[in-house]
C-alpha atoms as a PDB file:
ATOM      1  CA  MET A   1     132.471  75.651 116.535  1.00  0.00           C
ATOM      2  CA  SER A   2     131.651  72.336 115.078  1.00  0.00           C
ATOM      3  CA  LEU A   3     128.408  70.969 115.937  1.00  0.00           C
ATOM      4  CA  LYS A   4     129.690  67.486 115.752  1.00  0.00           C
ATOM      5  CA  ASN A   5     132.246  68.168 118.729  1.00  0.00           C
ATOM      6  CA  HIS A   6     130.037  69.967 121.009  1.00  0.00           C
ATOM      7  CA  ALA A   7     126.926  68.852 123.145  1.00  0.00           C
ATOM      8  CA  ARG A   8     125.787  72.344 122.907  1.00  0.00           C
ATOM      9  CA  ALA A   9     125.580  74.403 119.804  1.00  0.00           C
ATOM     10  CA  LEU A  10     124.318  78.002 118.880  1.00  0.00           C
ATOM     11  CA  ILE A  11     122.485  77.770 116.063  1.00  0.00           C
ATOM     12  CA  LEU A  12     120.224  80.103 113.707  1.00  0.00           C
ATOM     13  CA  VAL A  13     117.210  78.633 112.313  1.00  0.00           C
ATOM     14  CA  GLY A  14     114.848  80.773 109.815  1.00  0.00           C
ATOM     15  CA  LEU A  15     111.681  79.178 108.866  1.00  0.00           C
ATOM     16  CA  SER A  16     110.031  81.142 106.052  1.00  0.00           C
ATOM     17  CA  SER A  17     106.276  80.859 105.934  1.00  0.00           C
ATOM     18  CA  LEU A  18     106.801  78.101 108.625  1.00  0.00           C
ATOM     19  CA  VAL A  19     108.710  75.770 105.954  1.00  0.00           C
ATOM     20  CA  LEU A  20     112.068  74.877 107.129  1.00  0.00           C
ATOM     21  CA  THR A  21     114.845  76.304 104.831  1.00  0.00           C
ATOM     22  CA  SER A  22     118.376  75.023 104.348  1.00  0.00           C
ATOM     23  CA  CYS A  23     119.680  77.392 107.312  1.00  0.00           C
ATOM     24  CA  ALA A  24     121.224  75.138 109.799  1.00  0.00           C
ATOM     25  CA  GLU A  25     121.963  77.432 112.658  1.00  0.00           C
ATOM     26  CA  LEU A  26     119.815  78.479 115.832  1.00  0.00           C
ATOM     27  CA  ILE A  27     120.471  81.319 118.173  1.00  0.00           C
ATOM     28  CA  VAL A  28     118.848  80.923 121.544  1.00  0.00           C
ATOM     29  CA  VAL A  29     118.031  84.339 123.263  1.00  0.00           C
ATOM     30  CA  GLY A  30     117.500  84.466 127.085  1.00  0.00           C
ATOM     31  CA  ALA A  31     114.222  85.767 128.516  1.00  0.00           C
ATOM     32  CA  ALA A  32     112.632  88.589 130.433  1.00  0.00           C
ATOM     33  CA  THR A  33     110.727  86.734 133.198  1.00  0.00           C
ATOM     34  CA  GLY A  34     112.001  85.170 135.931  1.00  0.00           C
ATOM     35  CA  ALA A  35     110.754  81.187 135.131  1.00  0.00           C
ATOM     36  CA  VAL A  36     112.638  81.754 131.765  1.00  0.00           C
ATOM     37  CA  ALA A  37     115.767  83.213 133.014  1.00  0.00           C
ATOM     38  CA  THR A  38     116.392  80.363 135.212  1.00  0.00           C
ATOM     39  CA  GLN A  39     116.636  78.049 132.158  1.00  0.00           C
ATOM     40  CA  ASP A  40     118.905  80.605 130.734  1.00  0.00           C
ATOM     41  CA  GLN A  41     122.262  79.044 129.803  1.00  0.00           C
ATOM     42  CA  ARG A  42     123.988  82.296 129.841  1.00  0.00           C
ATOM     43  CA  THR A  43     125.720  83.785 133.007  1.00  0.00           C
ATOM     44  CA  ILE A  44     123.955  87.196 134.528  1.00  0.00           C
ATOM     45  CA  PRO A  45     126.810  89.108 133.159  1.00  0.00           C
ATOM     46  CA  THR A  46     126.556  87.698 129.586  1.00  0.00           C
ATOM     47  CA  GLN A  47     122.793  88.298 129.495  1.00  0.00           C
ATOM     48  CA  LEU A  48     123.330  91.910 130.659  1.00  0.00           C
ATOM     49  CA  GLU A  49     125.889  92.145 128.145  1.00  0.00           C
ATOM     50  CA  ASP A  50     123.456  91.325 125.518  1.00  0.00           C
ATOM     51  CA  GLU A  51     121.241  93.833 126.577  1.00  0.00           C
ATOM     52  CA  ASN A  52     124.054  96.250 126.230  1.00  0.00           C
ATOM     53  CA  ILE A  53     124.981  95.397 122.759  1.00  0.00           C
ATOM     54  CA  GLU A  54     121.193  95.572 121.924  1.00  0.00           C
ATOM     55  CA  ILE A  55     120.890  99.025 123.133  1.00  0.00           C
ATOM     56  CA  LYS A  56     124.376 100.422 121.490  1.00  0.00           C
ATOM     57  CA  THR A  57     123.105  98.826 118.376  1.00  0.00           C
ATOM     58  CA  VAL A  58     119.825 100.672 118.240  1.00  0.00           C
ATOM     59  CA  ASN A  59     121.416 103.984 119.447  1.00  0.00           C
ATOM     60  CA  ALA A  60     124.127 103.464 116.388  1.00  0.00           C
ATOM     61  CA  LEU A  61     120.975 102.885 113.875  1.00  0.00           C
ATOM     62  CA  PHE A  62     118.974 105.805 115.541  1.00  0.00           C
ATOM     63  CA  LYS A  63     122.038 107.977 114.820  1.00  0.00           C
ATOM     64  CA  ASN A  64     122.329 107.219 111.304  1.00  0.00           C
ATOM     65  CA  ASP A  65     119.102 109.342 109.862  1.00  0.00           C
ATOM     66  CA  GLU A  66     119.090 107.213 106.470  1.00  0.00           C
ATOM     67  CA  LEU A  67     118.981 104.301 108.413  1.00  0.00           C
ATOM     68  CA  TRP A  68     116.568 105.343 111.372  1.00  0.00           C
ATOM     69  CA  LYS A  69     114.136 106.816 108.796  1.00  0.00           C
ATOM     70  CA  ASP A  70     114.111 104.471 105.955  1.00  0.00           C
ATOM     71  CA  THR A  71     114.510 101.069 107.404  1.00  0.00           C
ATOM     72  CA  ASN A  72     112.395  98.765 109.782  1.00  0.00           C
ATOM     73  CA  ILE A  73     115.194  96.817 111.721  1.00  0.00           C
ATOM     74  CA  ASP A  74     114.922  94.816 114.927  1.00  0.00           C
ATOM     75  CA  VAL A  75     118.085  93.798 116.805  1.00  0.00           C
ATOM     76  CA  LEU A  76     118.514  90.704 118.984  1.00  0.00           C
ATOM     77  CA  SER A  77     121.900  89.688 121.002  1.00  0.00           C
ATOM     78  CA  PHE A  78     122.654  86.248 122.646  1.00  0.00           C
ATOM     79  CA  ASN A  79     126.101  85.427 123.636  1.00  0.00           C
ATOM     80  CA  ASN A  80     127.485  88.422 122.105  1.00  0.00           C
ATOM     81  CA  ILE A  81     126.301  87.348 118.533  1.00  0.00           C
ATOM     82  CA  LEU A  82     123.842  89.868 116.998  1.00  0.00           C
ATOM     83  CA  LEU A  83     120.989  89.095 114.790  1.00  0.00           C
ATOM     84  CA  LEU A  84     119.435  91.859 112.536  1.00  0.00           C
ATOM     85  CA  ILE A  85     115.834  91.347 111.354  1.00  0.00           C
ATOM     86  CA  GLY A  86     113.474  93.510 109.472  1.00  0.00           C
ATOM     87  CA  GLN A  87     113.348  95.338 105.940  1.00  0.00           C
ATOM     88  CA  ALA A  88     115.583  98.173 104.548  1.00  0.00           C
ATOM     89  CA  PRO A  89     114.660  99.391 100.766  1.00  0.00           C
ATOM     90  CA  THR A  90     118.192  98.934  99.376  1.00  0.00           C
ATOM     91  CA  ALA A  91     121.134  96.526  99.812  1.00  0.00           C
ATOM     92  CA  LYS A  92     123.397  99.648 100.461  1.00  0.00           C
ATOM     93  CA  LEU A  93     121.336 100.468 103.525  1.00  0.00           C
ATOM     94  CA  LYS A  94     121.159  96.663 104.670  1.00  0.00           C
ATOM     95  CA  GLN A  95     124.898  96.493 104.472  1.00  0.00           C
ATOM     96  CA  LYS A  96     125.123  99.715 106.323  1.00  0.00           C
ATOM     97  CA  ALA A  97     123.142  98.478 109.350  1.00  0.00           C
ATOM     98  CA  GLY A  98     125.279  95.175 109.194  1.00  0.00           C
ATOM     99  CA  ASP A  99     128.520  97.437 109.208  1.00  0.00           C
ATOM    100  CA  LEU A 100     127.366  99.195 112.249  1.00  0.00           C
ATOM    101  CA  ALA A 101     126.382  96.316 114.064  1.00  0.00           C
ATOM    102  CA  GLU A 102     129.714  94.681 113.469  1.00  0.00           C
ATOM    103  CA  ASN A 103     131.679  97.701 115.051  1.00  0.00           C
ATOM    104  CA  ILE A 104     129.670  97.134 118.221  1.00  0.00           C
ATOM    105  CA  ALA A 105     132.158  96.566 121.261  1.00  0.00           C
ATOM    106  CA  LYS A 106     131.680  92.675 122.402  1.00  0.00           C
ATOM    107  CA  VAL A 107     129.941  91.697 119.157  1.00  0.00           C
ATOM    108  CA  ARG A 108     131.352  88.373 118.131  1.00  0.00           C
ATOM    109  CA  LYS A 109     129.376  88.015 115.001  1.00  0.00           C
ATOM    110  CA  VAL A 110     126.365  89.555 113.238  1.00  0.00           C
ATOM    111  CA  TYR A 111     123.692  87.630 111.229  1.00  0.00           C
ATOM    112  CA  ASN A 112     122.263  90.028 108.956  1.00  0.00           C
ATOM    113  CA  GLN A 113     118.886  88.771 107.983  1.00  0.00           C
ATOM    114  CA  ILE A 114     117.434  91.924 106.965  1.00  0.00           C
ATOM    115  CA  LYS A 115     115.446  91.820 103.858  1.00  0.00           C
ATOM    116  CA  ILE A 116     115.351  94.266 100.925  1.00  0.00           C
ATOM    117  CA  SER A 117     112.145  95.423 100.900  1.00  0.00           C
ATOM    118  CA  ALA A 118     109.618  97.911 101.747  1.00  0.00           C
ATOM    119  CA  PRO A 119     108.474  97.855 105.583  1.00  0.00           C
ATOM    120  CA  ILE A 120     105.473  95.259 106.548  1.00  0.00           C
ATOM    121  CA  SER A 121     102.082  96.205 106.847  1.00  0.00           C
ATOM    122  CA  PHE A 122     100.629  96.251 110.175  1.00  0.00           C
ATOM    123  CA  PHE A 123      98.590  93.111 109.012  1.00  0.00           C
ATOM    124  CA  ALA A 124     101.756  91.314 108.513  1.00  0.00           C
ATOM    125  CA  ARG A 125     103.219  92.556 111.909  1.00  0.00           C
ATOM    126  CA  ARG A 126      99.918  91.094 113.330  1.00  0.00           C
ATOM    127  CA  ASN A 127     100.115  87.692 111.332  1.00  0.00           C
ATOM    128  CA  ASP A 128     103.883  87.584 112.792  1.00  0.00           C
ATOM    129  CA  GLU A 129     102.248  88.004 116.678  1.00  0.00           C
ATOM    130  CA  TYR A 130     100.009  85.177 115.835  1.00  0.00           C
ATOM    131  CA  LEU A 131     102.566  82.928 114.406  1.00  0.00           C
ATOM    132  CA  THR A 132     104.990  83.591 116.994  1.00  0.00           C
ATOM    133  CA  THR A 133     102.273  82.975 119.676  1.00  0.00           C
ATOM    134  CA  LYS A 134     101.388  79.650 117.711  1.00  0.00           C
ATOM    135  CA  VAL A 135     105.035  78.413 118.114  1.00  0.00           C
ATOM    136  CA  LYS A 136     105.669  79.304 121.742  1.00  0.00           C
ATOM    137  CA  SER A 137     102.075  77.230 122.571  1.00  0.00           C
ATOM    138  CA  LYS A 138     103.286  74.216 120.699  1.00  0.00           C
ATOM    139  CA  MET A 139     106.781  74.366 122.479  1.00  0.00           C
ATOM    140  CA  LEU A 140     105.139  74.766 125.751  1.00  0.00           C
ATOM    141  CA  PHE A 141     102.983  71.799 125.499  1.00  0.00           C
ATOM    142  CA  ALA A 142     105.496  69.628 123.692  1.00  0.00           C
ATOM    143  CA  ASP A 143     106.602  66.359 126.123  1.00  0.00           C
ATOM    144  CA  ASN A 144     110.167  66.764 127.591  1.00  0.00           C
ATOM    145  CA  PHE A 145     110.922  70.056 125.488  1.00  0.00           C
ATOM    146  CA  PRO A 146     113.067  72.831 127.403  1.00  0.00           C
ATOM    147  CA  SER A 147     110.546  75.654 125.845  1.00  0.00           C
ATOM    148  CA  GLY A 148     111.920  78.218 128.497  1.00  0.00           C
ATOM    149  CA  LYS A 149     115.431  78.217 126.763  1.00  0.00           C
ATOM    150  CA  ILE A 150     114.168  79.408 123.408  1.00  0.00           C
ATOM    151  CA  LYS A 151     113.007  82.713 122.469  1.00  0.00           C
ATOM    152  CA  VAL A 152     110.495  82.389 118.866  1.00  0.00           C
ATOM    153  CA  VAL A 153     110.938  85.873 116.899  1.00  0.00           C
ATOM    154  CA  THR A 154     108.804  86.084 113.765  1.00  0.00           C
ATOM    155  CA  GLU A 155     109.697  88.532 110.935  1.00  0.00           C
ATOM    156  CA  ASN A 156     107.448  88.864 107.911  1.00  0.00           C
ATOM    157  CA  SER A 157     106.370  85.318 108.273  1.00  0.00           C
ATOM    158  CA  GLU A 158     109.689  84.082 108.968  1.00  0.00           C
ATOM    159  CA  VAL A 159     110.513  82.343 112.147  1.00  0.00           C
ATOM    160  CA  PHE A 160     113.368  82.783 114.040  1.00  0.00           C
ATOM    161  CA  LEU A 161     114.650  80.619 116.914  1.00  0.00           C
ATOM    162  CA  LEU A 162     116.937  82.081 119.335  1.00  0.00           C
ATOM    163  CA  GLY A 163     118.517  79.866 122.295  1.00  0.00           C
ATOM    164  CA  LEU A 164     121.732  77.821 123.624  1.00  0.00           C
ATOM    165  CA  VAL A 165     120.774  74.268 123.471  1.00  0.00           C
ATOM    166  CA  SER A 166     122.005  70.831 122.360  1.00  0.00           C
ATOM    167  CA  GLN A 167     121.599  69.720 118.756  1.00  0.00           C
ATOM    168  CA  ASP A 168     118.437  67.365 119.893  1.00  0.00           C
ATOM    169  CA  GLU A 169     116.795  70.274 121.414  1.00  0.00           C
ATOM    170  CA  ALA A 170     117.424  72.459 118.304  1.00  0.00           C
ATOM    171  CA  ASP A 171     116.158  69.556 115.969  1.00  0.00           C
ATOM    172  CA  LYS A 172     113.055  69.270 118.074  1.00  0.00           C
ATOM    173  CA  ALA A 173     112.630  73.070 118.163  1.00  0.00           C
ATOM    174  CA  ALA A 174     112.578  73.265 114.373  1.00  0.00           C
ATOM    175  CA  GLU A 175     110.420  70.521 113.974  1.00  0.00           C
ATOM    176  CA  ILE A 176     107.678  71.979 116.133  1.00  0.00           C
ATOM    177  CA  ALA A 177     108.130  75.716 114.197  1.00  0.00           C
ATOM    178  CA  LYS A 178     107.994  73.859 111.005  1.00  0.00           C
ATOM    179  CA  THR A 179     104.530  72.027 111.917  1.00  0.00           C
END
C-alpha cells in the first residue's frame, strides 16, 4: 500500500529512547475503553479478530518451552498485522517467534521487533510505563489531535505508536512522541 495513494495509512513508528528513527511506518491498535473504541477505525469483527490473533500467538509461544522460558515477548495485533516486541537471548529464538507468528491464521504481516538481549529489568519496565504515560498525556492535550485513535506501547525505551490514521495524523503523532 502506497502512503502517497491513500488518505489513511498503516504505519509502524519506532522511537528509540524517544529519538525518531528512520522507521517510516506506524501500526495503530484499537482500545479497551468505550471512549477510545468509538474512535477505532476498524470494524467490531476486525477488532475481535485482532484479539483472537493475539491469543493464538501467545498460545503458540506458550506451547514452545524454549520460547516461553527464555524470552520476554509481547504481542500486539492491529488490522491483522502483528507486532512482536521484547527480548530473546538469541537470533534463533527471535526467528522462531517470528515464524510461529507468521503461521497464525489471518495474520497478514508480522513486524518482528524483538531485540537480541536479556530480558529488561524491573526498573526498565517502570521507565517504559513512565514514557508511555508521558507520550499519551502529550497526545491527549495536543490541539486537534485524535489521541483516542492511537495506542502507545513502550519496550526498553523504544516507543511504538499503533493506529489507523492519516499521514498528517501519523506525522503529528511521531512528532509528539519524539518531543
